[in-house]
Amino acid sequence: GDYNPGGKLPVTFYAGTAQLPDYEDYRMEGRTYRYFSGKPLYPF
């Protein structure tokens, strides 16, 4: 408690690997807060 945290996630923390598209596919569909329509564990 000597410092009150204020950091914010610069990435989406997904709930699990199953939420991720194919790693070798560079299309943004289903990726990051901008295109991910599921429920992350902790959002961007």
PDB file of all heavy atoms in Angstrom:
ATOM      1  N   GLY A   1       0.757  -1.233   0.000  1.00  0.00           N
ATOM      2  CA  GLY A   1       0.000   0.000   0.000  1.00  0.00           C
ATOM      3  C   GLY A   1       0.791   1.289   0.000  1.00  0.00           C
ATOM      4  O   GLY A   1       0.211   2.368   0.177  1.00  0.00           O
ATOM      5  N   ASP A   2       2.098   1.220  -0.203  1.00  0.00           N
ATOM      6  CA  ASP A   2       2.884   2.450  -0.291  1.00  0.00           C
ATOM      7  C   ASP A   2       2.780   3.092  -1.668  1.00  0.00           C
ATOM      8  O   ASP A   2       3.248   4.220  -1.862  1.00  0.00           O
ATOM      9  CB  ASP A   2       4.352   2.158   0.034  1.00  0.00           C
ATOM     10  CG  ASP A   2       4.535   1.759   1.489  1.00  0.00           C
ATOM     11  OD1 ASP A   2       3.857   2.353   2.343  1.00  0.00           O
ATOM     12  OD2 ASP A   2       5.340   0.854   1.764  1.00  0.00           O
ATOM     13  N   TYR A   3       2.197   2.373  -2.615  1.00  0.00           N
ATOM     14  CA  TYR A   3       1.930   2.929  -3.944  1.00  0.00           C
ATOM     15  C   TYR A   3       0.614   2.361  -4.425  1.00  0.00           C
ATOM     16  O   TYR A   3       0.374   1.149  -4.331  1.00  0.00           O
ATOM     17  CB  TYR A   3       3.056   2.583  -4.928  1.00  0.00           C
ATOM     18  CG  TYR A   3       2.849   3.195  -6.296  1.00  0.00           C
ATOM     19  CD1 TYR A   3       3.200   4.515  -6.549  1.00  0.00           C
ATOM     20  CD2 TYR A   3       2.269   2.458  -7.332  1.00  0.00           C
ATOM     21  CE1 TYR A   3       2.991   5.094  -7.799  1.00  0.00           C
ATOM     22  CE2 TYR A   3       2.060   3.017  -8.583  1.00  0.00           C
ATOM     23  CZ  TYR A   3       2.420   4.331  -8.803  1.00  0.00           C
ATOM     24  OH  TYR A   3       2.203   4.910 -10.044  1.00  0.00           O
ATOM     25  N   ASN A   4      -0.223   3.217  -4.940  1.00  0.00           N
ATOM     26  CA  ASN A   4      -1.532   2.803  -5.442  1.00  0.00           C
ATOM     27  C   ASN A   4      -1.391   2.482  -6.929  1.00  0.00           C
ATOM     28  O   ASN A   4      -1.085   3.367  -7.728  1.00  0.00           O
ATOM     29  CB  ASN A   4      -2.543   3.931  -5.238  1.00  0.00           C
ATOM     30  CG  ASN A   4      -3.966   3.497  -5.556  1.00  0.00           C
ATOM     31  OD1 ASN A   4      -4.217   2.367  -5.973  1.00  0.00           O
ATOM     32  ND2 ASN A   4      -4.906   4.414  -5.370  1.00  0.00           N
ATOM     33  N   PRO A   5      -1.588   1.231  -7.334  1.00  0.00           N
ATOM     34  CA  PRO A   5      -1.343   0.863  -8.734  1.00  0.00           C
ATOM     35  C   PRO A   5      -2.288   1.567  -9.691  1.00  0.00           C
ATOM     36  O   PRO A   5      -3.461   1.796  -9.389  1.00  0.00           O
ATOM     37  CB  PRO A   5      -1.572  -0.652  -8.743  1.00  0.00           C
ATOM     38  CG  PRO A   5      -2.496  -0.910  -7.595  1.00  0.00           C
ATOM     39  CD  PRO A   5      -2.100   0.096  -6.546  1.00  0.00           C
ATOM     40  N   GLY A   6      -1.752   1.882 -10.888  1.00  0.00           N
ATOM     41  CA  GLY A   6      -2.557   2.548 -11.911  1.00  0.00           C
ATOM     42  C   GLY A   6      -2.295   2.031 -13.305  1.00  0.00           C
ATOM     43  O   GLY A   6      -2.779   2.609 -14.278  1.00  0.00           O
ATOM     44  N   GLY A   7      -1.531   0.931 -13.428  1.00  0.00           N
ATOM     45  CA  GLY A   7      -1.230   0.372 -14.735  1.00  0.00           C
ATOM     46  C   GLY A   7      -2.457  -0.210 -15.410  1.00  0.00           C
ATOM     47  O   GLY A   7      -3.410  -0.639 -14.745  1.00  0.00           O
ATOM     48  N   LYS A   8      -2.428  -0.205 -16.739  1.00  0.00           N
ATOM     49  CA  LYS A   8      -3.523  -0.765 -17.548  1.00  0.00           C
ATOM     50  C   LYS A   8      -2.935  -1.711 -18.587  1.00  0.00           C
ATOM     51  O   LYS A   8      -1.851  -1.465 -19.133  1.00  0.00           O
ATOM     52  CB  LYS A   8      -4.291   0.351 -18.255  1.00  0.00           C
ATOM     53  CG  LYS A   8      -4.899   1.409 -17.332  1.00  0.00           C
ATOM     54  CD  LYS A   8      -6.125   0.904 -16.593  1.00  0.00           C
ATOM     55  CE  LYS A   8      -6.772   2.015 -15.779  1.00  0.00           C
ATOM     56  NZ  LYS A   8      -8.006   1.569 -15.104  1.00  0.00           N
ATOM     57  N   LEU A   9      -3.649  -2.756 -18.898  1.00  0.00           N
ATOM     58  CA  LEU A   9      -3.133  -3.770 -19.825  1.00  0.00           C
ATOM     59  C   LEU A   9      -2.979  -3.208 -21.235  1.00  0.00           C
ATOM     60  O   LEU A   9      -3.939  -2.652 -21.785  1.00  0.00           O
ATOM     61  CB  LEU A   9      -4.059  -4.972 -19.863  1.00  0.00           C
ATOM     62  CG  LEU A   9      -4.126  -5.821 -18.596  1.00  0.00           C
ATOM     63  CD1 LEU A   9      -5.133  -6.950 -18.780  1.00  0.00           C
ATOM     64  CD2 LEU A   9      -2.756  -6.389 -18.226  1.00  0.00           C
ATOM     65  N   PRO A  10      -1.800  -3.395 -21.858  1.00  0.00           N
ATOM     66  CA  PRO A  10      -1.621  -3.019 -23.261  1.00  0.00           C
ATOM     67  C   PRO A  10      -1.932  -4.166 -24.219  1.00  0.00           C
ATOM     68  O   PRO A  10      -1.760  -4.038 -25.427  1.00  0.00           O
ATOM     69  CB  PRO A  10      -0.136  -2.646 -23.320  1.00  0.00           C
ATOM     70  CG  PRO A  10       0.499  -3.547 -22.312  1.00  0.00           C
ATOM     71  CD  PRO A  10      -0.529  -3.757 -21.222  1.00  0.00           C
ATOM     72  N   VAL A  11      -2.361  -5.291 -23.648  1.00  0.00           N
ATOM     73  CA  VAL A  11      -2.752  -6.466 -24.430  1.00  0.00           C
ATOM     74  C   VAL A  11      -3.965  -7.103 -23.767  1.00  0.00           C
ATOM     75  O   VAL A  11      -4.207  -6.912 -22.577  1.00  0.00           O
ATOM     76  CB  VAL A  11      -1.617  -7.518 -24.521  1.00  0.00           C
ATOM     77  CG1 VAL A  11      -0.473  -7.031 -25.404  1.00  0.00           C
ATOM     78  CG2 VAL A  11      -1.107  -7.891 -23.132  1.00  0.00           C
ATOM     79  N   THR A  12      -4.696  -7.872 -24.542  1.00  0.00           N
ATOM     80  CA  THR A  12      -5.813  -8.642 -24.009  1.00  0.00           C
ATOM     81  C   THR A  12      -5.286  -9.865 -23.273  1.00  0.00           C
ATOM     82  O   THR A  12      -4.404 -10.568 -23.779  1.00  0.00           O
ATOM     83  CB  THR A  12      -6.737  -9.098 -25.153  1.00  0.00           C
ATOM     84  OG1 THR A  12      -7.244  -7.940 -25.828  1.00  0.00           O
ATOM     85  CG2 THR A  12      -7.889  -9.935 -24.627  1.00  0.00           C
ATOM     86  N   PHE A  13      -5.792 -10.112 -22.083  1.00  0.00           N
ATOM     87  CA  PHE A  13      -5.505 -11.354 -21.371  1.00  0.00           C
ATOM     88  C   PHE A  13      -6.672 -12.297 -21.651  1.00  0.00           C
ATOM     89  O   PHE A  13      -7.757 -12.152 -21.075  1.00  0.00           O
ATOM     90  CB  PHE A  13      -5.353 -11.108 -19.875  1.00  0.00           C
ATOM     91  CG  PHE A  13      -3.937 -10.818 -19.439  1.00  0.00           C
ATOM     92  CD1 PHE A  13      -3.156  -9.889 -20.125  1.00  0.00           C
ATOM     93  CD2 PHE A  13      -3.379 -11.466 -18.345  1.00  0.00           C
ATOM     94  CE1 PHE A  13      -1.859  -9.607 -19.733  1.00  0.00           C
ATOM     95  CE2 PHE A  13      -2.079 -11.192 -17.939  1.00  0.00           C
ATOM     96  CZ  PHE A  13      -1.317 -10.266 -18.634  1.00  0.00           C
ATOM     97  N   TYR A  14      -6.453 -13.240 -22.549  1.00  0.00           N
ATOM     98  CA  TYR A  14      -7.502 -14.187 -22.933  1.00  0.00           C
ATOM     99  C   TYR A  14      -7.748 -15.196 -21.814  1.00  0.00           C
ATOM    100  O   TYR A  14      -6.894 -15.428 -20.947  1.00  0.00           O
ATOM    101  CB  TYR A  14      -7.102 -14.916 -24.213  1.00  0.00           C
ATOM    102  CG  TYR A  14      -6.923 -14.000 -25.401  1.00  0.00           C
ATOM    103  CD1 TYR A  14      -5.672 -13.474 -25.710  1.00  0.00           C
ATOM    104  CD2 TYR A  14      -8.003 -13.654 -26.199  1.00  0.00           C
ATOM    105  CE1 TYR A  14      -5.506 -12.622 -26.799  1.00  0.00           C
ATOM    106  CE2 TYR A  14      -7.849 -12.809 -27.290  1.00  0.00           C
ATOM    107  CZ  TYR A  14      -6.593 -12.289 -27.576  1.00  0.00           C
ATOM    108  OH  TYR A  14      -6.433 -11.444 -28.650  1.00  0.00           O
ATOM    109  N   ALA A  15      -8.912 -15.825 -21.866  1.00  0.00           N
ATOM    110  CA  ALA A  15      -9.269 -16.820 -20.857  1.00  0.00           C
ATOM    111  C   ALA A  15      -8.529 -18.128 -21.066  1.00  0.00           C
ATOM    112  O   ALA A  15      -8.363 -18.913 -20.129  1.00  0.00           O
ATOM    113  CB  ALA A  15     -10.781 -17.063 -20.865  1.00  0.00           C
ATOM    114  N   GLY A  16      -8.084 -18.391 -22.292  1.00  0.00           N
ATOM    115  CA  GLY A  16      -7.374 -19.632 -22.562  1.00  0.00           C
ATOM    116  C   GLY A  16      -6.894 -19.703 -23.992  1.00  0.00           C
ATOM    117  O   GLY A  16      -7.318 -18.925 -24.861  1.00  0.00           O
ATOM    118  N   THR A  17      -6.030 -20.651 -24.258  1.00  0.00           N
ATOM    119  CA  THR A  17      -5.466 -20.833 -25.599  1.00  0.00           C
ATOM    120  C   THR A  17      -6.551 -21.088 -26.634  1.00  0.00           C
ATOM    121  O   THR A  17      -6.427 -20.697 -27.799  1.00  0.00           O
ATOM    122  CB  THR A  17      -4.462 -22.005 -25.590  1.00  0.00           C
ATOM    123  OG1 THR A  17      -3.513 -21.811 -24.541  1.00  0.00           O
ATOM    124  CG2 THR A  17      -3.729 -22.116 -26.918  1.00  0.00           C
ATOM    125  N   ALA A  18      -7.622 -21.742 -26.214  1.00  0.00           N
ATOM    126  CA  ALA A  18      -8.704 -22.089 -27.144  1.00  0.00           C
ATOM    127  C   ALA A  18      -9.350 -20.864 -27.766  1.00  0.00           C
ATOM    128  O   ALA A  18      -9.997 -20.971 -28.821  1.00  0.00           O
ATOM    129  CB  ALA A  18      -9.758 -22.936 -26.432  1.00  0.00           C
ATOM    130  N   GLN A  19      -9.192 -19.691 -27.165  1.00  0.00           N
ATOM    131  CA  GLN A  19      -9.793 -18.477 -27.724  1.00  0.00           C
ATOM    132  C   GLN A  19      -8.958 -17.876 -28.856  1.00  0.00           C
ATOM    133  O   GLN A  19      -9.413 -16.927 -29.510  1.00  0.00           O
ATOM    134  CB  GLN A  19      -9.965 -17.430 -26.618  1.00  0.00           C
ATOM    135  CG  GLN A  19     -11.048 -17.760 -25.609  1.00  0.00           C
ATOM    136  CD  GLN A  19     -11.272 -16.635 -24.612  1.00  0.00           C
ATOM    137  OE1 GLN A  19     -10.359 -15.888 -24.277  1.00  0.00           O
ATOM    138  NE2 GLN A  19     -12.505 -16.498 -24.136  1.00  0.00           N
ATOM    139  N   LEU A  20      -7.766 -18.411 -29.096  1.00  0.00           N
ATOM    140  CA  LEU A  20      -6.854 -17.809 -30.063  1.00  0.00           C
ATOM    141  C   LEU A  20      -7.020 -18.416 -31.451  1.00  0.00           C
ATOM    142  O   LEU A  20      -7.178 -19.634 -31.588  1.00  0.00           O
ATOM    143  CB  LEU A  20      -5.410 -17.997 -29.615  1.00  0.00           C
ATOM    144  CG  LEU A  20      -5.042 -17.424 -28.248  1.00  0.00           C
ATOM    145  CD1 LEU A  20      -3.594 -17.780 -27.904  1.00  0.00           C
ATOM    146  CD2 LEU A  20      -5.227 -15.917 -28.237  1.00  0.00           C
ATOM    147  N   PRO A  21      -6.936 -17.601 -32.504  1.00  0.00           N
ATOM    148  CA  PRO A  21      -6.915 -18.133 -33.866  1.00  0.00           C
ATOM    149  C   PRO A  21      -5.577 -18.814 -34.159  1.00  0.00           C
ATOM    150  O   PRO A  21      -4.669 -18.822 -33.316  1.00  0.00           O
ATOM    151  CB  PRO A  21      -7.083 -16.875 -34.741  1.00  0.00           C
ATOM    152  CG  PRO A  21      -7.495 -15.780 -33.813  1.00  0.00           C
ATOM    153  CD  PRO A  21      -6.939 -16.134 -32.480  1.00  0.00           C
ATOM    154  N   ASP A  22      -5.442 -19.330 -35.358  1.00  0.00           N
ATOM    155  CA  ASP A  22      -4.197 -19.952 -35.803  1.00  0.00           C
ATOM    156  C   ASP A  22      -3.052 -18.946 -35.683  1.00  0.00           C
ATOM    157  O   ASP A  22      -3.112 -17.835 -36.224  1.00  0.00           O
ATOM    158  CB  ASP A  22      -4.359 -20.402 -37.256  1.00  0.00           C
ATOM    159  CG  ASP A  22      -3.111 -21.070 -37.820  1.00  0.00           C
ATOM    160  OD1 ASP A  22      -2.094 -21.173 -37.108  1.00  0.00           O
ATOM    161  OD2 ASP A  22      -3.149 -21.475 -39.000  1.00  0.00           O
ATOM    162  N   TYR A  23      -2.002 -19.331 -34.986  1.00  0.00           N
ATOM    163  CA  TYR A  23      -0.866 -18.430 -34.744  1.00  0.00           C
ATOM    164  C   TYR A  23      -0.225 -17.947 -36.042  1.00  0.00           C
ATOM    165  O   TYR A  23       0.224 -16.806 -36.144  1.00  0.00           O
ATOM    166  CB  TYR A  23       0.152 -19.172 -33.874  1.00  0.00           C
ATOM    167  CG  TYR A  23       1.397 -18.401 -33.507  1.00  0.00           C
ATOM    168  CD1 TYR A  23       1.435 -17.010 -33.468  1.00  0.00           C
ATOM    169  CD2 TYR A  23       2.556 -19.086 -33.153  1.00  0.00           C
ATOM    170  CE1 TYR A  23       2.581 -16.320 -33.104  1.00  0.00           C
ATOM    171  CE2 TYR A  23       3.708 -18.409 -32.782  1.00  0.00           C
ATOM    172  CZ  TYR A  23       3.714 -17.033 -32.768  1.00  0.00           C
ATOM    173  OH  TYR A  23       4.853 -16.358 -32.419  1.00  0.00           O
ATOM    174  N   GLU A  24      -0.187 -18.791 -37.057  1.00  0.00           N
ATOM    175  CA  GLU A  24       0.492 -18.431 -38.296  1.00  0.00           C
ATOM    176  C   GLU A  24      -0.396 -17.662 -39.271  1.00  0.00           C
ATOM    177  O   GLU A  24       0.033 -17.357 -40.379  1.00  0.00           O
ATOM    178  CB  GLU A  24       1.056 -19.691 -38.954  1.00  0.00           C
ATOM    179  CG  GLU A  24       2.151 -20.344 -38.126  1.00  0.00           C
ATOM    180  CD  GLU A  24       2.760 -21.555 -38.804  1.00  0.00           C
ATOM    181  OE1 GLU A  24       2.144 -22.638 -38.739  1.00  0.00           O
ATOM    182  OE2 GLU A  24       3.850 -21.426 -39.401  1.00  0.00           O
ATOM    183  N   ASP A  25      -1.601 -17.357 -38.855  1.00  0.00           N
ATOM    184  CA  ASP A  25      -2.519 -16.575 -39.677  1.00  0.00           C
ATOM    185  C   ASP A  25      -2.429 -15.115 -39.240  1.00  0.00           C
ATOM    186  O   ASP A  25      -2.735 -14.780 -38.100  1.00  0.00           O
ATOM    187  CB  ASP A  25      -3.950 -17.097 -39.488  1.00  0.00           C
ATOM    188  CG  ASP A  25      -4.944 -16.435 -40.428  1.00  0.00           C
ATOM    189  OD1 ASP A  25      -4.605 -15.398 -41.040  1.00  0.00           O
ATOM    190  OD2 ASP A  25      -6.078 -16.952 -40.534  1.00  0.00           O
ATOM    191  N   TYR A  26      -1.997 -14.236 -40.152  1.00  0.00           N
ATOM    192  CA  TYR A  26      -1.795 -12.829 -39.806  1.00  0.00           C
ATOM    193  C   TYR A  26      -3.062 -11.984 -39.945  1.00  0.00           C
ATOM    194  O   TYR A  26      -3.028 -10.792 -39.659  1.00  0.00           O
ATOM    195  CB  TYR A  26      -0.671 -12.234 -40.659  1.00  0.00           C
ATOM    196  CG  TYR A  26       0.682 -12.325 -39.992  1.00  0.00           C
ATOM    197  CD1 TYR A  26       1.397 -13.517 -39.957  1.00  0.00           C
ATOM    198  CD2 TYR A  26       1.244 -11.218 -39.367  1.00  0.00           C
ATOM    199  CE1 TYR A  26       2.629 -13.602 -39.342  1.00  0.00           C
ATOM    200  CE2 TYR A  26       2.475 -11.287 -38.748  1.00  0.00           C
ATOM    201  CZ  TYR A  26       3.172 -12.478 -38.739  1.00  0.00           C
ATOM    202  OH  TYR A  26       4.388 -12.557 -38.113  1.00  0.00           O
ATOM    203  N   ARG A  27      -4.152 -12.568 -40.382  1.00  0.00           N
ATOM    204  CA  ARG A  27      -5.392 -11.797 -40.434  1.00  0.00           C
ATOM    205  C   ARG A  27      -5.818 -11.424 -39.020  1.00  0.00           C
ATOM    206  O   ARG A  27      -5.644 -12.191 -38.087  1.00  0.00           O
ATOM    207  CB  ARG A  27      -6.487 -12.609 -41.118  1.00  0.00           C
ATOM    208  CG  ARG A  27      -6.262 -12.819 -42.615  1.00  0.00           C
ATOM    209  CD  ARG A  27      -7.339 -13.708 -43.199  1.00  0.00           C
ATOM    210  NE  ARG A  27      -7.324 -15.034 -42.578  1.00  0.00           N
ATOM    211  CZ  ARG A  27      -8.256 -15.957 -42.774  1.00  0.00           C
ATOM    212  NH1 ARG A  27      -9.281 -15.713 -43.560  1.00  0.00           N
ATOM    213  NH2 ARG A  27      -8.162 -17.136 -42.167  1.00  0.00           N
ATOM    214  N   MET A  28      -6.405 -10.253 -38.870  1.00  0.00           N
ATOM    215  CA  MET A  28      -6.779  -9.768 -37.551  1.00  0.00           C
ATOM    216  C   MET A  28      -8.112 -10.323 -37.060  1.00  0.00           C
ATOM    217  O   MET A  28      -8.467 -10.120 -35.897  1.00  0.00           O
ATOM    218  CB  MET A  28      -6.822  -8.242 -37.552  1.00  0.00           C
ATOM    219  CG  MET A  28      -5.457  -7.594 -37.676  1.00  0.00           C
ATOM    220  SD  MET A  28      -4.278  -8.143 -36.408  1.00  0.00           S
ATOM    221  CE  MET A  28      -5.079  -7.558 -34.923  1.00  0.00           C
ATOM    222  N   GLU A  29      -8.832 -11.004 -37.876  1.00  0.00           N
ATOM    223  CA  GLU A  29     -10.122 -11.556 -37.480  1.00  0.00           C
ATOM    224  C   GLU A  29      -9.987 -12.388 -36.206  1.00  0.00           C
ATOM    225  O   GLU A  29      -9.176 -13.315 -36.130  1.00  0.00           O
ATOM    226  CB  GLU A  29     -10.690 -12.428 -38.602  1.00  0.00           C
ATOM    227  CG  GLU A  29     -12.059 -13.020 -38.292  1.00  0.00           C
ATOM    228  CD  GLU A  29     -12.586 -13.886 -39.417  1.00  0.00           C
ATOM    229  OE1 GLU A  29     -11.908 -13.979 -40.466  1.00  0.00           O
ATOM    230  OE2 GLU A  29     -13.669 -14.470 -39.248  1.00  0.00           O
ATOM    231  N   GLY A  30     -10.757 -12.033 -35.183  1.00  0.00           N
ATOM    232  CA  GLY A  30     -10.736 -12.766 -33.927  1.00  0.00           C
ATOM    233  C   GLY A  30      -9.594 -12.417 -33.004  1.00  0.00           C
ATOM    234  O   GLY A  30      -9.443 -13.043 -31.946  1.00  0.00           O
ATOM    235  N   ARG A  31      -8.802 -11.401 -33.378  1.00  0.00           N
ATOM    236  CA  ARG A  31      -7.611 -11.062 -32.588  1.00  0.00           C
ATOM    237  C   ARG A  31      -7.744  -9.710 -31.899  1.00  0.00           C
ATOM    238  O   ARG A  31      -8.303  -8.779 -32.457  1.00  0.00           O
ATOM    239  CB  ARG A  31      -6.371 -11.013 -33.486  1.00  0.00           C
ATOM    240  CG  ARG A  31      -6.003 -12.321 -34.134  1.00  0.00           C
ATOM    241  CD  ARG A  31      -4.652 -12.205 -34.836  1.00  0.00           C
ATOM    242  NE  ARG A  31      -4.293 -13.441 -35.496  1.00  0.00           N
ATOM    243  CZ  ARG A  31      -3.790 -14.505 -34.873  1.00  0.00           C
ATOM    244  NH1 ARG A  31      -3.590 -14.459 -33.562  1.00  0.00           N
ATOM    245  NH2 ARG A  31      -3.494 -15.601 -35.537  1.00  0.00           N
ATOM    246  N   THR A  32      -7.158  -9.591 -30.761  1.00  0.00           N
ATOM    247  CA  THR A  32      -7.043  -8.363 -29.980  1.00  0.00           C
ATOM    248  C   THR A  32      -8.419  -7.793 -29.659  1.00  0.00           C
ATOM    249  O   THR A  32      -9.443  -8.236 -30.186  1.00  0.00           O
ATOM    250  CB  THR A  32      -6.173  -7.304 -30.684  1.00  0.00           C
ATOM    251  OG1 THR A  32      -6.896  -6.677 -31.754  1.00  0.00           O
ATOM    252  CG2 THR A  32      -4.883  -7.898 -31.203  1.00  0.00           C
ATOM    253  N   TYR A  33      -8.467  -6.804 -28.790  1.00  0.00           N
ATOM    254  CA  TYR A  33      -9.750  -6.224 -28.390  1.00  0.00           C
ATOM    255  C   TYR A  33     -10.519  -5.659 -29.570  1.00  0.00           C
ATOM    256  O   TYR A  33     -11.752  -5.536 -29.524  1.00  0.00           O
ATOM    257  CB  TYR A  33      -9.514  -5.114 -27.358  1.00  0.00           C
ATOM    258  CG  TYR A  33      -9.082  -3.800 -27.962  1.00  0.00           C
ATOM    259  CD1 TYR A  33     -10.016  -2.818 -28.289  1.00  0.00           C
ATOM    260  CD2 TYR A  33      -7.745  -3.541 -28.244  1.00  0.00           C
ATOM    261  CE1 TYR A  33      -9.624  -1.609 -28.869  1.00  0.00           C
ATOM    262  CE2 TYR A  33      -7.351  -2.346 -28.814  1.00  0.00           C
ATOM    263  CZ  TYR A  33      -8.286  -1.387 -29.130  1.00  0.00           C
ATOM    264  OH  TYR A  33      -7.904  -0.206 -29.714  1.00  0.00           O
ATOM    265  N   ARG A  34      -9.833  -5.350 -30.671  1.00  0.00           N
ATOM    266  CA  ARG A  34     -10.482  -4.699 -31.801  1.00  0.00           C
ATOM    267  C   ARG A  34     -11.347  -5.673 -32.602  1.00  0.00           C
ATOM    268  O   ARG A  34     -12.309  -5.254 -33.254  1.00  0.00           O
ATOM    269  CB  ARG A  34      -9.437  -4.036 -32.695  1.00  0.00           C
ATOM    270  CG  ARG A  34      -8.719  -2.885 -31.979  1.00  0.00           C
ATOM    271  CD  ARG A  34      -7.527  -2.350 -32.747  1.00  0.00           C
ATOM    272  NE  ARG A  34      -7.907  -1.851 -34.046  1.00  0.00           N
ATOM    273  CZ  ARG A  34      -7.381  -2.276 -35.193  1.00  0.00           C
ATOM    274  NH1 ARG A  34      -6.464  -3.239 -35.200  1.00  0.00           N
ATOM    275  NH2 ARG A  34      -7.776  -1.752 -36.327  1.00  0.00           N
ATOM    276  N   TYR A  35     -10.994  -6.961 -32.576  1.00  0.00           N
ATOM    277  CA  TYR A  35     -11.735  -7.935 -33.379  1.00  0.00           C
ATOM    278  C   TYR A  35     -12.182  -9.177 -32.598  1.00  0.00           C
ATOM    279  O   TYR A  35     -12.877 -10.029 -33.153  1.00  0.00           O
ATOM    280  CB  TYR A  35     -10.890  -8.385 -34.567  1.00  0.00           C
ATOM    281  CG  TYR A  35     -10.788  -7.342 -35.656  1.00  0.00           C
ATOM    282  CD1 TYR A  35      -9.693  -6.473 -35.716  1.00  0.00           C
ATOM    283  CD2 TYR A  35     -11.781  -7.204 -36.618  1.00  0.00           C
ATOM    284  CE1 TYR A  35      -9.594  -5.508 -36.721  1.00  0.00           C
ATOM    285  CE2 TYR A  35     -11.700  -6.247 -37.615  1.00  0.00           C
ATOM    286  CZ  TYR A  35     -10.601  -5.398 -37.654  1.00  0.00           C
ATOM    287  OH  TYR A  35     -10.525  -4.441 -38.638  1.00  0.00           O
ATOM    288  N   PHE A  36     -11.799  -9.295 -31.358  1.00  0.00           N
ATOM    289  CA  PHE A  36     -12.178 -10.457 -30.556  1.00  0.00           C
ATOM    290  C   PHE A  36     -13.573 -10.246 -29.972  1.00  0.00           C
ATOM    291  O   PHE A  36     -13.810  -9.310 -29.207  1.00  0.00           O
ATOM    292  CB  PHE A  36     -11.153 -10.673 -29.439  1.00  0.00           C
ATOM    293  CG  PHE A  36     -11.481 -11.816 -28.517  1.00  0.00           C
ATOM    294  CD1 PHE A  36     -11.574 -13.122 -28.997  1.00  0.00           C
ATOM    295  CD2 PHE A  36     -11.678 -11.594 -27.160  1.00  0.00           C
ATOM    296  CE1 PHE A  36     -11.867 -14.174 -28.145  1.00  0.00           C
ATOM    297  CE2 PHE A  36     -11.972 -12.646 -26.297  1.00  0.00           C
ATOM    298  CZ  PHE A  36     -12.064 -13.935 -26.795  1.00  0.00           C
ATOM    299  N   SER A  37     -14.500 -11.121 -30.316  1.00  0.00           N
ATOM    300  CA  SER A  37     -15.892 -10.961 -29.886  1.00  0.00           C
ATOM    301  C   SER A  37     -16.236 -11.813 -28.679  1.00  0.00           C
ATOM    302  O   SER A  37     -17.356 -11.742 -28.161  1.00  0.00           O
ATOM    303  CB  SER A  37     -16.847 -11.306 -31.037  1.00  0.00           C
ATOM    304  OG  SER A  37     -16.619 -12.640 -31.488  1.00  0.00           O
ATOM    305  N   GLY A  38     -15.273 -12.626 -28.217  1.00  0.00           N
ATOM    306  CA  GLY A  38     -15.522 -13.443 -27.038  1.00  0.00           C
ATOM    307  C   GLY A  38     -15.330 -12.647 -25.759  1.00  0.00           C
ATOM    308  O   GLY A  38     -15.163 -11.423 -25.770  1.00  0.00           O
ATOM    309  N   LYS A  39     -15.350 -13.335 -24.636  1.00  0.00           N
ATOM    310  CA  LYS A  39     -15.150 -12.682 -23.340  1.00  0.00           C
ATOM    311  C   LYS A  39     -13.755 -13.002 -22.834  1.00  0.00           C
ATOM    312  O   LYS A  39     -13.454 -14.144 -22.473  1.00  0.00           O
ATOM    313  CB  LYS A  39     -16.198 -13.128 -22.329  1.00  0.00           C
ATOM    314  CG  LYS A  39     -16.100 -12.364 -21.007  1.00  0.00           C
ATOM    315  CD  LYS A  39     -17.270 -12.653 -20.112  1.00  0.00           C
ATOM    316  CE  LYS A  39     -17.156 -11.894 -18.786  1.00  0.00           C
ATOM    317  NZ  LYS A  39     -17.046 -10.428 -18.978  1.00  0.00           N
ATOM    318  N   PRO A  40     -12.877 -12.001 -22.770  1.00  0.00           N
ATOM    319  CA  PRO A  40     -11.534 -12.252 -22.260  1.00  0.00           C
ATOM    320  C   PRO A  40     -11.553 -12.376 -20.744  1.00  0.00           C
ATOM    321  O   PRO A  40     -12.542 -12.011 -20.080  1.00  0.00           O
ATOM    322  CB  PRO A  40     -10.761 -11.007 -22.695  1.00  0.00           C
ATOM    323  CG  PRO A  40     -11.795  -9.920 -22.680  1.00  0.00           C
ATOM    324  CD  PRO A  40     -13.079 -10.587 -23.142  1.00  0.00           C
ATOM    325  N   LEU A  41     -10.469 -12.858 -20.186  1.00  0.00           N
ATOM    326  CA  LEU A  41     -10.350 -12.871 -18.738  1.00  0.00           C
ATOM    327  C   LEU A  41     -10.196 -11.442 -18.218  1.00  0.00           C
ATOM    328  O   LEU A  41     -10.906 -11.022 -17.293  1.00  0.00           O
ATOM    329  CB  LEU A  41      -9.152 -13.727 -18.318  1.00  0.00           C
ATOM    330  CG  LEU A  41      -8.913 -13.837 -16.812  1.00  0.00           C
ATOM    331  CD1 LEU A  41     -10.116 -14.454 -16.111  1.00  0.00           C
ATOM    332  CD2 LEU A  41      -7.639 -14.655 -16.541  1.00  0.00           C
ATOM    333  N   TYR A  42      -9.261 -10.686 -18.835  1.00  0.00           N
ATOM    334  CA  TYR A  42      -9.068  -9.271 -18.516  1.00  0.00           C
ATOM    335  C   TYR A  42      -8.920  -8.515 -19.840  1.00  0.00           C
ATOM    336  O   TYR A  42      -8.063  -8.852 -20.656  1.00  0.00           O
ATOM    337  CB  TYR A  42      -7.805  -9.050 -17.679  1.00  0.00           C
ATOM    338  CG  TYR A  42      -7.724  -9.895 -16.432  1.00  0.00           C
ATOM    339  CD1 TYR A  42      -6.722 -10.855 -16.295  1.00  0.00           C
ATOM    340  CD2 TYR A  42      -8.625  -9.736 -15.388  1.00  0.00           C
ATOM    341  CE1 TYR A  42      -6.626 -11.626 -15.147  1.00  0.00           C
ATOM    342  CE2 TYR A  42      -8.541 -10.509 -14.244  1.00  0.00           C
ATOM    343  CZ  TYR A  42      -7.532 -11.457 -14.130  1.00  0.00           C
ATOM    344  OH  TYR A  42      -7.451 -12.230 -12.998  1.00  0.00           O
ATOM    345  N   PRO A  43      -9.730  -7.493 -20.066  1.00  0.00           N
ATOM    346  CA  PRO A  43      -9.706  -6.811 -21.361  1.00  0.00           C
ATOM    347  C   PRO A  43      -8.535  -5.841 -21.505  1.00  0.00           C
ATOM    348  O   PRO A  43      -7.945  -5.385 -20.515  1.00  0.00           O
ATOM    349  CB  PRO A  43     -11.044  -6.055 -21.365  1.00  0.00           C
ATOM    350  CG  PRO A  43     -11.345  -5.807 -19.926  1.00  0.00           C
ATOM    351  CD  PRO A  43     -10.816  -7.000 -19.183  1.00  0.00           C
ATOM    352  N   PHE A  44      -8.222  -5.523 -22.728  1.00  0.00           N
ATOM    353  CA  PHE A  44      -7.258  -4.475 -23.042  1.00  0.00           C
ATOM    354  C   PHE A  44      -7.657  -3.184 -22.327  1.00  0.00           C
ATOM    355  O   PHE A  44      -8.826  -2.822 -22.264  1.00  0.00           O
ATOM    356  CB  PHE A  44      -7.251  -4.249 -24.554  1.00  0.00           C
ATOM    357  CG  PHE A  44      -6.410  -3.085 -25.019  1.00  0.00           C
ATOM    358  CD1 PHE A  44      -5.066  -3.241 -25.271  1.00  0.00           C
ATOM    359  CD2 PHE A  44      -6.994  -1.836 -25.211  1.00  0.00           C
ATOM    360  CE1 PHE A  44      -4.297  -2.176 -25.711  1.00  0.00           C
ATOM    361  CE2 PHE A  44      -6.237  -0.763 -25.648  1.00  0.00           C
ATOM    362  CZ  PHE A  44      -4.878  -0.928 -25.897  1.00  0.00           C
TER     363      PHE A  44
END
